[in-house]
Protein backbone atom coordinates (compact mmCIF):
# COMPACT_ATOMS: atom_id res chain seq x y z
CA UNK A 1 0.00 0.00 0.00
CA UNK A 2 2.84 2.38 0.87
CA UNK A 3 5.02 1.22 -2.01
CA UNK A 4 2.62 2.40 -4.73
CA UNK A 5 2.76 6.17 -4.02
CA UNK A 6 6.50 5.79 -3.37
CA UNK A 7 7.01 4.17 -6.78
CA UNK A 8 4.86 6.85 -8.41
CA UNK A 9 6.95 9.59 -6.79
CA UNK A 10 10.16 7.86 -7.89
CA UNK A 11 8.88 7.54 -11.48
CA UNK A 12 7.78 11.18 -11.57
CA UNK A 13 11.12 12.32 -10.15
CA UNK A 14 13.01 10.20 -12.68
CA UNK A 15 10.95 11.69 -15.53
CA UNK A 16 11.58 15.21 -14.20
CA UNK A 17 15.27 14.37 -13.90
CA UNK A 18 15.37 13.19 -17.51
CA UNK A 19 13.67 16.41 -18.64
CA UNK A 20 16.13 18.48 -16.59
CA UNK A 21 19.05 16.53 -18.07
CA UNK A 22 17.72 17.05 -21.61
CA UNK A 23 17.25 20.78 -20.96
CA UNK A 24 20.70 21.05 -19.35
CA UNK A 25 22.25 19.26 -22.34
CA UNK A 26 20.26 21.26 -24.91
CA UNK A 27 20.71 24.75 -23.46
CA UNK A 28 24.47 25.02 -22.81
CA UNK A 29 25.51 23.40 -26.15
CA UNK A 30 24.39 26.34 -28.34
CA UNK A 31 25.69 28.83 -25.76
CA UNK A 32 29.16 27.25 -25.64
CA UNK A 33 31.35 27.89 -28.70
PDB file of N, CA and C in Angstrom:
ATOM      1  N   UNK A   1       0.848  -1.208   0.000  1.00  0.00           N
ATOM      2  CA  UNK A   1       0.000   0.000   0.000  1.00  0.00           C
ATOM      3  C   UNK A   1       0.887   1.264   0.000  1.00  0.00           C
ATOM      4  N   UNK A   2       1.966   1.203   0.788  1.00  0.00           N
ATOM      5  CA  UNK A   2       2.841   2.384   0.873  1.00  0.00           C
ATOM      6  C   UNK A   2       3.808   2.430  -0.306  1.00  0.00           C
ATOM      7  N   UNK A   3       4.029   1.269  -0.933  1.00  0.00           N
ATOM      8  CA  UNK A   3       5.020   1.225  -2.008  1.00  0.00           C
ATOM      9  C   UNK A   3       4.478   1.860  -3.287  1.00  0.00           C
ATOM     10  N   UNK A   4       3.163   1.859  -3.461  1.00  0.00           N
ATOM     11  CA  UNK A   4       2.618   2.395  -4.732  1.00  0.00           C
ATOM     12  C   UNK A   4       2.869   3.894  -4.858  1.00  0.00           C
ATOM     13  N   UNK A   5       2.475   4.730  -3.887  1.00  0.00           N
ATOM     14  CA  UNK A   5       2.761   6.168  -4.018  1.00  0.00           C
ATOM     15  C   UNK A   5       4.272   6.427  -4.062  1.00  0.00           C
ATOM     16  N   UNK A   6       5.039   5.619  -3.347  1.00  0.00           N
ATOM     17  CA  UNK A   6       6.497   5.794  -3.370  1.00  0.00           C
ATOM     18  C   UNK A   6       7.034   5.549  -4.776  1.00  0.00           C
ATOM     19  N   UNK A   7       6.557   4.471  -5.416  1.00  0.00           N
ATOM     20  CA  UNK A   7       7.006   4.173  -6.782  1.00  0.00           C
ATOM     21  C   UNK A   7       6.562   5.276  -7.733  1.00  0.00           C
ATOM     22  N   UNK A   8       5.345   5.774  -7.544  1.00  0.00           N
ATOM     23  CA  UNK A   8       4.858   6.849  -8.412  1.00  0.00           C
ATOM     24  C   UNK A   8       5.746   8.081  -8.260  1.00  0.00           C
ATOM     25  N   UNK A   9       6.090   8.418  -7.018  1.00  0.00           N
ATOM     26  CA  UNK A   9       6.949   9.594  -6.793  1.00  0.00           C
ATOM     27  C   UNK A   9       8.314   9.373  -7.430  1.00  0.00           C
ATOM     28  N   UNK A  10       8.838   8.146  -7.301  1.00  0.00           N
ATOM     29  CA  UNK A  10      10.160   7.857  -7.892  1.00  0.00           C
ATOM     30  C   UNK A  10      10.099   7.992  -9.414  1.00  0.00           C
ATOM     31  N   UNK A  11       9.010   7.468 -10.007  1.00  0.00           N
ATOM     32  CA  UNK A  11       8.885   7.541 -11.476  1.00  0.00           C
ATOM     33  C   UNK A  11       8.761   8.999 -11.919  1.00  0.00           C
ATOM     34  N   UNK A  12       7.945   9.761 -11.201  1.00  0.00           N
ATOM     35  CA  UNK A  12       7.777  11.181 -11.568  1.00  0.00           C
ATOM     36  C   UNK A  12       9.108  11.911 -11.430  1.00  0.00           C
ATOM     37  N   UNK A  13       9.838  11.626 -10.353  1.00  0.00           N
ATOM     38  CA  UNK A  13      11.124  12.316 -10.151  1.00  0.00           C
ATOM     39  C   UNK A  13      12.115  11.910 -11.235  1.00  0.00           C
ATOM     40  N   UNK A  14      12.103  10.639 -11.621  1.00  0.00           N
ATOM     41  CA  UNK A  14      13.014  10.196 -12.684  1.00  0.00           C
ATOM     42  C   UNK A  14      12.668  10.893 -13.995  1.00  0.00           C
ATOM     43  N   UNK A  15      11.359  11.018 -14.292  1.00  0.00           N
ATOM     44  CA  UNK A  15      10.953  11.687 -15.527  1.00  0.00           C
ATOM     45  C   UNK A  15      11.374  13.149 -15.482  1.00  0.00           C
ATOM     46  N   UNK A  16      11.180  13.805 -14.325  1.00  0.00           N
ATOM     47  CA  UNK A  16      11.580  15.205 -14.202  1.00  0.00           C
ATOM     48  C   UNK A  16      13.097  15.319 -14.346  1.00  0.00           C
ATOM     49  N   UNK A  17      13.811  14.357 -13.788  1.00  0.00           N
ATOM     50  CA  UNK A  17      15.269  14.368 -13.897  1.00  0.00           C
ATOM     51  C   UNK A  17      15.702  14.229 -15.349  1.00  0.00           C
ATOM     52  N   UNK A  18      15.025  13.351 -16.095  1.00  0.00           N
ATOM     53  CA  UNK A  18      15.368  13.187 -17.512  1.00  0.00           C
ATOM     54  C   UNK A  18      15.111  14.481 -18.266  1.00  0.00           C
ATOM     55  N   UNK A  19      13.975  15.143 -17.971  1.00  0.00           N
ATOM     56  CA  UNK A  19      13.669  16.413 -18.644  1.00  0.00           C
ATOM     57  C   UNK A  19      14.724  17.453 -18.286  1.00  0.00           C
ATOM     58  N   UNK A  20      15.106  17.506 -16.996  1.00  0.00           N
ATOM     59  CA  UNK A  20      16.129  18.476 -16.588  1.00  0.00           C
ATOM     60  C   UNK A  20      17.449  18.180 -17.290  1.00  0.00           C
ATOM     61  N   UNK A  21      17.797  16.889 -17.404  1.00  0.00           N
ATOM     62  CA  UNK A  21      19.051  16.529 -18.074  1.00  0.00           C
ATOM     63  C   UNK A  21      19.001  16.931 -19.544  1.00  0.00           C
ATOM     64  N   UNK A  22      17.847  16.686 -20.190  1.00  0.00           N
ATOM     65  CA  UNK A  22      17.725  17.052 -21.611  1.00  0.00           C
ATOM     66  C   UNK A  22      17.844  18.572 -21.771  1.00  0.00           C
ATOM     67  N   UNK A  23      17.170  19.317 -20.878  1.00  0.00           N
ATOM     68  CA  UNK A  23      17.249  20.780 -20.957  1.00  0.00           C
ATOM     69  C   UNK A  23      18.681  21.232 -20.693  1.00  0.00           C
ATOM     70  N   UNK A  24      19.325  20.641 -19.687  1.00  0.00           N
ATOM     71  CA  UNK A  24      20.697  21.046 -19.352  1.00  0.00           C
ATOM     72  C   UNK A  24      21.647  20.721 -20.508  1.00  0.00           C
ATOM     73  N   UNK A  25      21.372  19.612 -21.216  1.00  0.00           N
ATOM     74  CA  UNK A  25      22.246  19.263 -22.338  1.00  0.00           C
ATOM     75  C   UNK A  25      21.925  20.118 -23.560  1.00  0.00           C
ATOM     76  N   UNK A  26      20.651  20.494 -23.713  1.00  0.00           N
ATOM     77  CA  UNK A  26      20.262  21.258 -24.909  1.00  0.00           C
ATOM     78  C   UNK A  26      20.652  22.723 -24.778  1.00  0.00           C
ATOM     79  N   UNK A  27      20.502  23.299 -23.595  1.00  0.00           N
ATOM     80  CA  UNK A  27      20.707  24.755 -23.458  1.00  0.00           C
ATOM     81  C   UNK A  27      22.180  25.151 -23.568  1.00  0.00           C
ATOM     82  N   UNK A  28      23.089  24.527 -22.799  1.00  0.00           N
ATOM     83  CA  UNK A  28      24.471  25.020 -22.814  1.00  0.00           C
ATOM     84  C   UNK A  28      25.189  24.747 -24.148  1.00  0.00           C
ATOM     85  N   UNK A  29      24.782  23.727 -24.911  1.00  0.00           N
ATOM     86  CA  UNK A  29      25.505  23.405 -26.152  1.00  0.00           C
ATOM     87  C   UNK A  29      25.507  24.576 -27.132  1.00  0.00           C
ATOM     88  N   UNK A  30      24.356  25.190 -27.428  1.00  0.00           N
ATOM     89  CA  UNK A  30      24.388  26.338 -28.345  1.00  0.00           C
ATOM     90  C   UNK A  30      25.102  27.539 -27.729  1.00  0.00           C
ATOM     91  N   UNK A  31      25.055  27.674 -26.396  1.00  0.00           N
ATOM     92  CA  UNK A  31      25.693  28.833 -25.757  1.00  0.00           C
ATOM     93  C   UNK A  31      27.210  28.683 -25.773  1.00  0.00           C
ATOM     94  N   UNK A  32      27.704  27.456 -25.664  1.00  0.00           N
ATOM     95  CA  UNK A  32      29.158  27.249 -25.644  1.00  0.00           C
ATOM     96  C   UNK A  32      29.692  27.193 -27.073  1.00  0.00           C
ATOM     97  N   UNK A  33      30.795  27.857 -27.346  1.00  0.00           N
ATOM     98  CA  UNK A  33      31.355  27.895 -28.705  1.00  0.00           C
ATOM     99  C   UNK A  33      31.993  26.563 -29.102  1.00  0.00           C
TER     100      UNK A  33
END
